[in-house]
Amino acid sequence: MASKKAGGSTKNGRDSNPKMLGVKIYGGQSVTAGNIIVRQRGTEFHAGQNVGMGRDHTLFATADGVVKFEVKGQFGRRYVSVDA
């Protein structure tokens, strides 16, 4: 009878699904309230005027208008705001 000894195990062979992070709407583009502007892990960008932050740090527009990216403060934080 033909026989085959059991193969060993491996620690590789996994890959996580893509998370689709990044800037979704760029500066100068118009948005409506509720549009997602940035999907991020942590506060790479901070919420400015007319922008809200979700539980997973996603930034979204709270009013219709035009998106504006700016650097403010002594720590050089990047803010996203919507000029309504």
PDB file of N, CA and C in Angstrom:
ATOM      1  N   MET A   1       0.834  -1.191   0.000  1.00  0.00           N
ATOM      2  CA  MET A   1       0.000   0.000   0.000  1.00  0.00           C
ATOM      3  C   MET A   1       0.873   1.246   0.000  1.00  0.00           C
ATOM      4  N   ALA A   2       0.437   2.213  -0.804  1.00  0.00           N
ATOM      5  CA  ALA A   2       1.154   3.486  -0.815  1.00  0.00           C
ATOM      6  C   ALA A   2       0.795   4.280   0.437  1.00  0.00           C
ATOM      7  N   SER A   3       1.799   4.898   1.026  1.00  0.00           N
ATOM      8  CA  SER A   3       1.509   5.714   2.207  1.00  0.00           C
ATOM      9  C   SER A   3       2.320   6.999   2.130  1.00  0.00           C
ATOM     10  N   LYS A   4       1.811   8.018   2.775  1.00  0.00           N
ATOM     11  CA  LYS A   4       2.483   9.320   2.776  1.00  0.00           C
ATOM     12  C   LYS A   4       2.444   9.844   4.200  1.00  0.00           C
ATOM     13  N   LYS A   5       3.586  10.169   4.697  1.00  0.00           N
ATOM     14  CA  LYS A   5       3.657  10.705   6.047  1.00  0.00           C
ATOM     15  C   LYS A   5       3.019  12.105   6.081  1.00  0.00           C
ATOM     16  N   ALA A   6       2.430  12.485   7.193  1.00  0.00           N
ATOM     17  CA  ALA A   6       1.744  13.777   7.300  1.00  0.00           C
ATOM     18  C   ALA A   6       2.731  14.928   7.109  1.00  0.00           C
ATOM     19  N   GLY A   7       2.301  15.962   6.382  1.00  0.00           N
ATOM     20  CA  GLY A   7       3.137  17.135   6.155  1.00  0.00           C
ATOM     21  C   GLY A   7       3.207  18.005   7.396  1.00  0.00           C
ATOM     22  N   GLY A   8       4.251  18.799   7.485  1.00  0.00           N
ATOM     23  CA  GLY A   8       4.413  19.690   8.634  1.00  0.00           C
ATOM     24  C   GLY A   8       3.489  20.898   8.532  1.00  0.00           C
ATOM     25  N   SER A   9       3.477  21.686   9.564  1.00  0.00           N
ATOM     26  CA  SER A   9       2.650  22.895   9.555  1.00  0.00           C
ATOM     27  C   SER A   9       3.515  24.090   9.149  1.00  0.00           C
ATOM     28  N   THR A  10       2.854  25.190   8.830  1.00  0.00           N
ATOM     29  CA  THR A  10       3.570  26.409   8.459  1.00  0.00           C
ATOM     30  C   THR A  10       3.020  27.585   9.251  1.00  0.00           C
ATOM     31  N   LYS A  11       3.871  28.584   9.477  1.00  0.00           N
ATOM     32  CA  LYS A  11       3.422  29.763  10.209  1.00  0.00           C
ATOM     33  C   LYS A  11       3.032  30.894   9.262  1.00  0.00           C
ATOM     34  N   ASN A  12       3.163  30.674   7.965  1.00  0.00           N
ATOM     35  CA  ASN A  12       2.801  31.698   6.981  1.00  0.00           C
ATOM     36  C   ASN A  12       1.403  31.409   6.423  1.00  0.00           C
ATOM     37  N   GLY A  13       1.072  32.015   5.304  1.00  0.00           N
ATOM     38  CA  GLY A  13      -0.176  31.683   4.627  1.00  0.00           C
ATOM     39  C   GLY A  13      -1.378  32.498   5.072  1.00  0.00           C
ATOM     40  N   ARG A  14      -1.143  33.723   5.587  1.00  0.00           N
ATOM     41  CA  ARG A  14      -2.253  34.595   5.963  1.00  0.00           C
ATOM     42  C   ARG A  14      -2.024  35.964   5.337  1.00  0.00           C
ATOM     43  N   ASP A  15      -3.106  36.670   5.101  1.00  0.00           N
ATOM     44  CA  ASP A  15      -3.001  38.057   4.638  1.00  0.00           C
ATOM     45  C   ASP A  15      -4.296  38.770   5.002  1.00  0.00           C
ATOM     46  N   SER A  16      -4.188  39.963   5.578  1.00  0.00           N
ATOM     47  CA  SER A  16      -5.390  40.693   5.992  1.00  0.00           C
ATOM     48  C   SER A  16      -6.004  41.418   4.797  1.00  0.00           C
ATOM     49  N   ASN A  17      -7.286  41.675   4.902  1.00  0.00           N
ATOM     50  CA  ASN A  17      -7.989  42.386   3.842  1.00  0.00           C
ATOM     51  C   ASN A  17      -7.567  43.858   3.822  1.00  0.00           C
ATOM     52  N   PRO A  18      -7.570  44.495   2.638  1.00  0.00           N
ATOM     53  CA  PRO A  18      -7.209  45.913   2.572  1.00  0.00           C
ATOM     54  C   PRO A  18      -8.226  46.768   3.317  1.00  0.00           C
ATOM     55  N   LYS A  19      -7.765  47.849   3.940  1.00  0.00           N
ATOM     56  CA  LYS A  19      -8.641  48.690   4.758  1.00  0.00           C
ATOM     57  C   LYS A  19      -9.077  49.978   4.057  1.00  0.00           C
ATOM     58  N   MET A  20      -8.589  50.239   2.860  1.00  0.00           N
ATOM     59  CA  MET A  20      -9.010  51.393   2.043  1.00  0.00           C
ATOM     60  C   MET A  20      -8.866  52.725   2.791  1.00  0.00           C
ATOM     61  N   LEU A  21      -7.703  52.933   3.409  1.00  0.00           N
ATOM     62  CA  LEU A  21      -7.463  54.164   4.158  1.00  0.00           C
ATOM     63  C   LEU A  21      -6.964  55.268   3.230  1.00  0.00           C
ATOM     64  N   GLY A  22      -6.992  56.495   3.719  1.00  0.00           N
ATOM     65  CA  GLY A  22      -6.422  57.608   2.970  1.00  0.00           C
ATOM     66  C   GLY A  22      -7.408  58.737   2.758  1.00  0.00           C
ATOM     67  N   VAL A  23      -6.950  59.747   2.027  1.00  0.00           N
ATOM     68  CA  VAL A  23      -7.777  60.915   1.721  1.00  0.00           C
ATOM     69  C   VAL A  23      -8.737  60.541   0.603  1.00  0.00           C
ATOM     70  N   LYS A  24     -10.027  60.787   0.823  1.00  0.00           N
ATOM     71  CA  LYS A  24     -11.054  60.446  -0.164  1.00  0.00           C
ATOM     72  C   LYS A  24     -11.487  61.668  -0.972  1.00  0.00           C
ATOM     73  N   ILE A  25     -11.462  62.839  -0.350  1.00  0.00           N
ATOM     74  CA  ILE A  25     -11.826  64.079  -1.037  1.00  0.00           C
ATOM     75  C   ILE A  25     -10.717  65.094  -0.764  1.00  0.00           C
ATOM     76  N   TYR A  26     -10.153  65.661  -1.820  1.00  0.00           N
ATOM     77  CA  TYR A  26      -8.979  66.522  -1.698  1.00  0.00           C
ATOM     78  C   TYR A  26      -9.359  67.992  -1.562  1.00  0.00           C
ATOM     79  N   GLY A  27      -8.378  68.816  -1.198  1.00  0.00           N
ATOM     80  CA  GLY A  27      -8.588  70.245  -1.033  1.00  0.00           C
ATOM     81  C   GLY A  27      -9.108  70.888  -2.304  1.00  0.00           C
ATOM     82  N   GLY A  28     -10.092  71.773  -2.161  1.00  0.00           N
ATOM     83  CA  GLY A  28     -10.675  72.454  -3.312  1.00  0.00           C
ATOM     84  C   GLY A  28     -11.886  71.744  -3.880  1.00  0.00           C
ATOM     85  N   GLN A  29     -12.105  70.495  -3.485  1.00  0.00           N
ATOM     86  CA  GLN A  29     -13.268  69.755  -3.975  1.00  0.00           C
ATOM     87  C   GLN A  29     -14.474  70.053  -3.090  1.00  0.00           C
ATOM     88  N   SER A  30     -15.660  70.019  -3.689  1.00  0.00           N
ATOM     89  CA  SER A  30     -16.872  70.309  -2.922  1.00  0.00           C
ATOM     90  C   SER A  30     -17.424  69.036  -2.291  1.00  0.00           C
ATOM     91  N   VAL A  31     -18.045  69.205  -1.118  1.00  0.00           N
ATOM     92  CA  VAL A  31     -18.627  68.078  -0.388  1.00  0.00           C
ATOM     93  C   VAL A  31     -20.033  68.433   0.069  1.00  0.00           C
ATOM     94  N   THR A  32     -20.814  67.398   0.313  1.00  0.00           N
ATOM     95  CA  THR A  32     -22.104  67.578   0.968  1.00  0.00           C
ATOM     96  C   THR A  32     -21.986  66.996   2.367  1.00  0.00           C
ATOM     97  N   ALA A  33     -22.849  67.405   3.262  1.00  0.00           N
ATOM     98  CA  ALA A  33     -22.797  66.945   4.650  1.00  0.00           C
ATOM     99  C   ALA A  33     -22.879  65.420   4.692  1.00  0.00           C
ATOM    100  N   GLY A  34     -21.982  64.812   5.455  1.00  0.00           N
ATOM    101  CA  GLY A  34     -21.957  63.356   5.584  1.00  0.00           C
ATOM    102  C   GLY A  34     -20.904  62.678   4.731  1.00  0.00           C
ATOM    103  N   ASN A  35     -20.343  63.395   3.757  1.00  0.00           N
ATOM    104  CA  ASN A  35     -19.293  62.804   2.913  1.00  0.00           C
ATOM    105  C   ASN A  35     -18.042  62.517   3.733  1.00  0.00           C
ATOM    106  N   ILE A  36     -17.435  61.349   3.496  1.00  0.00           N
ATOM    107  CA  ILE A  36     -16.174  61.001   4.157  1.00  0.00           C
ATOM    108  C   ILE A  36     -15.040  61.733   3.446  1.00  0.00           C
ATOM    109  N   ILE A  37     -14.208  62.424   4.226  1.00  0.00           N
ATOM    110  CA  ILE A  37     -13.083  63.175   3.660  1.00  0.00           C
ATOM    111  C   ILE A  37     -11.793  62.377   3.809  1.00  0.00           C
ATOM    112  N   VAL A  38     -11.536  61.826   5.009  1.00  0.00           N
ATOM    113  CA  VAL A  38     -10.314  61.051   5.267  1.00  0.00           C
ATOM    114  C   VAL A  38     -10.660  59.817   6.089  1.00  0.00           C
ATOM    115  N   ARG A  39     -10.125  58.652   5.676  1.00  0.00           N
ATOM    116  CA  ARG A  39     -10.190  57.446   6.500  1.00  0.00           C
ATOM    117  C   ARG A  39      -8.779  57.204   7.002  1.00  0.00           C
ATOM    118  N   GLN A  40      -8.616  57.047   8.325  1.00  0.00           N
ATOM    119  CA  GLN A  40      -7.274  56.990   8.901  1.00  0.00           C
ATOM    120  C   GLN A  40      -7.253  56.151  10.165  1.00  0.00           C
ATOM    121  N   ARG A  41      -6.048  55.753  10.545  1.00  0.00           N
ATOM    122  CA  ARG A  41      -5.804  55.101  11.833  1.00  0.00           C
ATOM    123  C   ARG A  41      -5.106  56.120  12.720  1.00  0.00           C
ATOM    124  N   GLY A  42      -5.757  56.561  13.771  1.00  0.00           N
ATOM    125  CA  GLY A  42      -5.188  57.622  14.590  1.00  0.00           C
ATOM    126  C   GLY A  42      -5.464  58.975  13.961  1.00  0.00           C
ATOM    127  N   THR A  43      -4.973  60.036  14.589  1.00  0.00           N
ATOM    128  CA  THR A  43      -5.265  61.385  14.098  1.00  0.00           C
ATOM    129  C   THR A  43      -4.109  61.933  13.274  1.00  0.00           C
ATOM    130  N   GLU A  44      -3.926  61.371  12.101  1.00  0.00           N
ATOM    131  CA  GLU A  44      -2.954  61.910  11.149  1.00  0.00           C
ATOM    132  C   GLU A  44      -3.427  63.297  10.702  1.00  0.00           C
ATOM    133  N   PHE A  45      -4.743  63.416  10.509  1.00  0.00           N
ATOM    134  CA  PHE A  45      -5.390  64.692  10.228  1.00  0.00           C
ATOM    135  C   PHE A  45      -6.372  64.969  11.365  1.00  0.00           C
ATOM    136  N   HIS A  46      -6.505  66.239  11.745  1.00  0.00           N
ATOM    137  CA  HIS A  46      -7.430  66.627  12.804  1.00  0.00           C
ATOM    138  C   HIS A  46      -8.653  67.302  12.194  1.00  0.00           C
ATOM    139  N   ALA A  47      -9.764  67.259  12.921  1.00  0.00           N
ATOM    140  CA  ALA A  47     -11.010  67.851  12.440  1.00  0.00           C
ATOM    141  C   ALA A  47     -11.011  69.351  12.681  1.00  0.00           C
ATOM    142  N   GLY A  48     -11.270  70.116  11.629  1.00  0.00           N
ATOM    143  CA  GLY A  48     -11.390  71.565  11.735  1.00  0.00           C
ATOM    144  C   GLY A  48     -12.852  71.973  11.741  1.00  0.00           C
ATOM    145  N   GLN A  49     -13.125  73.162  11.206  1.00  0.00           N
ATOM    146  CA  GLN A  49     -14.488  73.680  11.190  1.00  0.00           C
ATOM    147  C   GLN A  49     -15.353  72.913  10.200  1.00  0.00           C
ATOM    148  N   ASN A  50     -16.581  72.597  10.617  1.00  0.00           N
ATOM    149  CA  ASN A  50     -17.568  71.865   9.813  1.00  0.00           C
ATOM    150  C   ASN A  50     -17.104  70.460   9.444  1.00  0.00           C
ATOM    151  N   VAL A  51     -16.238  69.877  10.278  1.00  0.00           N
ATOM    152  CA  VAL A  51     -15.772  68.500  10.071  1.00  0.00           C
ATOM    153  C   VAL A  51     -15.928  67.747  11.386  1.00  0.00           C
ATOM    154  N   GLY A  52     -16.483  66.538  11.311  1.00  0.00           N
ATOM    155  CA  GLY A  52     -16.641  65.697  12.491  1.00  0.00           C
ATOM    156  C   GLY A  52     -15.693  64.521  12.436  1.00  0.00           C
ATOM    157  N   MET A  53     -15.476  63.886  13.606  1.00  0.00           N
ATOM    158  CA  MET A  53     -14.594  62.724  13.666  1.00  0.00           C
ATOM    159  C   MET A  53     -15.372  61.517  14.186  1.00  0.00           C
ATOM    160  N   GLY A  54     -15.289  60.416  13.468  1.00  0.00           N
ATOM    161  CA  GLY A  54     -15.982  59.191  13.857  1.00  0.00           C
ATOM    162  C   GLY A  54     -15.195  58.403  14.889  1.00  0.00           C
ATOM    163  N   ARG A  55     -15.785  57.289  15.298  1.00  0.00           N
ATOM    164  CA  ARG A  55     -15.204  56.442  16.331  1.00  0.00           C
ATOM    165  C   ARG A  55     -13.846  55.867  15.914  1.00  0.00           C
ATOM    166  N   ASP A  56     -13.674  55.643  14.615  1.00  0.00           N
ATOM    167  CA  ASP A  56     -12.412  55.090  14.099  1.00  0.00           C
ATOM    168  C   ASP A  56     -11.522  56.181  13.499  1.00  0.00           C
ATOM    169  N   HIS A  57     -11.726  57.437  13.941  1.00  0.00           N
ATOM    170  CA  HIS A  57     -10.954  58.615  13.508  1.00  0.00           C
ATOM    171  C   HIS A  57     -11.237  59.041  12.068  1.00  0.00           C
ATOM    172  N   THR A  58     -12.305  58.527  11.474  1.00  0.00           N
ATOM    173  CA  THR A  58     -12.693  58.962  10.134  1.00  0.00           C
ATOM    174  C   THR A  58     -13.208  60.399  10.191  1.00  0.00           C
ATOM    175  N   LEU A  59     -12.734  61.238   9.269  1.00  0.00           N
ATOM    176  CA  LEU A  59     -13.192  62.628   9.204  1.00  0.00           C
ATOM    177  C   LEU A  59     -14.281  62.754   8.144  1.00  0.00           C
ATOM    178  N   PHE A  60     -15.362  63.438   8.497  1.00  0.00           N
ATOM    179  CA  PHE A  60     -16.486  63.588   7.576  1.00  0.00           C
ATOM    180  C   PHE A  60     -17.022  65.013   7.642  1.00  0.00           C
ATOM    181  N   ALA A  61     -17.657  65.440   6.563  1.00  0.00           N
ATOM    182  CA  ALA A  61     -18.201  66.793   6.485  1.00  0.00           C
ATOM    183  C   ALA A  61     -19.509  66.879   7.264  1.00  0.00           C
ATOM    184  N   THR A  62     -19.678  67.955   8.040  1.00  0.00           N
ATOM    185  CA  THR A  62     -20.933  68.185   8.757  1.00  0.00           C
ATOM    186  C   THR A  62     -21.757  69.280   8.084  1.00  0.00           C
ATOM    187  N   ALA A  63     -21.224  69.865   7.019  1.00  0.00           N
ATOM    188  CA  ALA A  63     -21.944  70.895   6.265  1.00  0.00           C
ATOM    189  C   ALA A  63     -21.499  70.832   4.810  1.00  0.00           C
ATOM    190  N   ASP A  64     -22.326  71.352   3.917  1.00  0.00           N
ATOM    191  CA  ASP A  64     -21.954  71.443   2.503  1.00  0.00           C
ATOM    192  C   ASP A  64     -20.905  72.539   2.339  1.00  0.00           C
ATOM    193  N   GLY A  65     -19.980  72.341   1.403  1.00  0.00           N
ATOM    194  CA  GLY A  65     -18.968  73.367   1.161  1.00  0.00           C
ATOM    195  C   GLY A  65     -17.771  72.831   0.412  1.00  0.00           C
ATOM    196  N   VAL A  66     -16.632  73.517   0.578  1.00  0.00           N
ATOM    197  CA  VAL A  66     -15.388  73.175  -0.115  1.00  0.00           C
ATOM    198  C   VAL A  66     -14.345  72.756   0.916  1.00  0.00           C
ATOM    199  N   VAL A  67     -13.649  71.661   0.639  1.00  0.00           N
ATOM    200  CA  VAL A  67     -12.653  71.107   1.570  1.00  0.00           C
ATOM    201  C   VAL A  67     -11.383  71.949   1.549  1.00  0.00           C
ATOM    202  N   LYS A  68     -10.808  72.154   2.755  1.00  0.00           N
ATOM    203  CA  LYS A  68      -9.558  72.906   2.865  1.00  0.00           C
ATOM    204  C   LYS A  68      -8.629  72.178   3.835  1.00  0.00           C
ATOM    205  N   PHE A  69      -7.396  71.915   3.412  1.00  0.00           N
ATOM    206  CA  PHE A  69      -6.366  71.316   4.261  1.00  0.00           C
ATOM    207  C   PHE A  69      -5.411  72.423   4.694  1.00  0.00           C
ATOM    208  N   GLU A  70      -5.056  72.456   5.990  1.00  0.00           N
ATOM    209  CA  GLU A  70      -4.127  73.481   6.467  1.00  0.00           C
ATOM    210  C   GLU A  70      -3.291  72.945   7.621  1.00  0.00           C
ATOM    211  N   VAL A  71      -2.104  73.542   7.785  1.00  0.00           N
ATOM    212  CA  VAL A  71      -1.203  73.179   8.882  1.00  0.00           C
ATOM    213  C   VAL A  71      -1.237  74.314   9.888  1.00  0.00           C
ATOM    214  N   LYS A  72      -1.508  73.962  11.162  1.00  0.00           N
ATOM    215  CA  LYS A  72      -1.653  74.990  12.204  1.00  0.00           C
ATOM    216  C   LYS A  72      -0.906  74.596  13.461  1.00  0.00           C
ATOM    217  N   GLY A  73      -0.602  75.600  14.275  1.00  0.00           N
ATOM    218  CA  GLY A  73      -0.061  75.374  15.610  1.00  0.00           C
ATOM    219  C   GLY A  73       1.425  75.103  15.627  1.00  0.00           C
ATOM    220  N   GLN A  74       1.996  75.134  16.830  1.00  0.00           N
ATOM    221  CA  GLN A  74       3.433  74.949  16.966  1.00  0.00           C
ATOM    222  C   GLN A  74       3.875  73.518  16.706  1.00  0.00           C
ATOM    223  N   PHE A  75       2.931  72.577  16.728  1.00  0.00           N
ATOM    224  CA  PHE A  75       3.284  71.179  16.488  1.00  0.00           C
ATOM    225  C   PHE A  75       3.075  70.771  15.035  1.00  0.00           C
ATOM    226  N   GLY A  76       2.624  71.693  14.199  1.00  0.00           N
ATOM    227  CA  GLY A  76       2.440  71.421  12.778  1.00  0.00           C
ATOM    228  C   GLY A  76       1.332  70.424  12.498  1.00  0.00           C
ATOM    229  N   ARG A  77       0.253  70.513  13.267  1.00  0.00           N
ATOM    230  CA  ARG A  77      -0.862  69.593  13.049  1.00  0.00           C
ATOM    231  C   ARG A  77      -1.582  69.927  11.759  1.00  0.00           C
ATOM    232  N   ARG A  78      -2.012  68.880  11.072  1.00  0.00           N
ATOM    233  CA  ARG A  78      -2.741  69.066   9.824  1.00  0.00           C
ATOM    234  C   ARG A  78      -4.242  69.018  10.114  1.00  0.00           C
ATOM    235  N   TYR A  79      -4.938  70.068   9.726  1.00  0.00           N
ATOM    236  CA  TYR A  79      -6.371  70.173   9.959  1.00  0.00           C
ATOM    237  C   TYR A  79      -7.116  70.125   8.638  1.00  0.00           C
ATOM    238  N   VAL A  80      -8.300  69.530   8.678  1.00  0.00           N
ATOM    239  CA  VAL A  80      -9.193  69.503   7.524  1.00  0.00           C
ATOM    240  C   VAL A  80     -10.447  70.263   7.921  1.00  0.00           C
ATOM    241  N   SER A  81     -10.823  71.247   7.119  1.00  0.00           N
ATOM    242  CA  SER A  81     -12.040  71.999   7.400  1.00  0.00           C
ATOM    243  C   SER A  81     -12.863  72.117   6.126  1.00  0.00           C
ATOM    244  N   VAL A  82     -14.126  72.485   6.305  1.00  0.00           N
ATOM    245  CA  VAL A  82     -15.029  72.690   5.170  1.00  0.00           C
ATOM    246  C   VAL A  82     -15.515  74.130   5.225  1.00  0.00           C
ATOM    247  N   ASP A  83     -15.208  74.900   4.170  1.00  0.00           N
ATOM    248  CA  ASP A  83     -15.689  76.278   4.073  1.00  0.00           C
ATOM    249  C   ASP A  83     -17.100  76.248   3.505  1.00  0.00           C
ATOM    250  N   ALA A  84     -18.088  76.518   4.351  1.00  0.00           N
ATOM    251  CA  ALA A  84     -19.493  76.439   3.933  1.00  0.00           C
ATOM    252  C   ALA A  84     -19.904  77.688   3.167  1.00  0.00           C
TER     253      ALA A  84
END
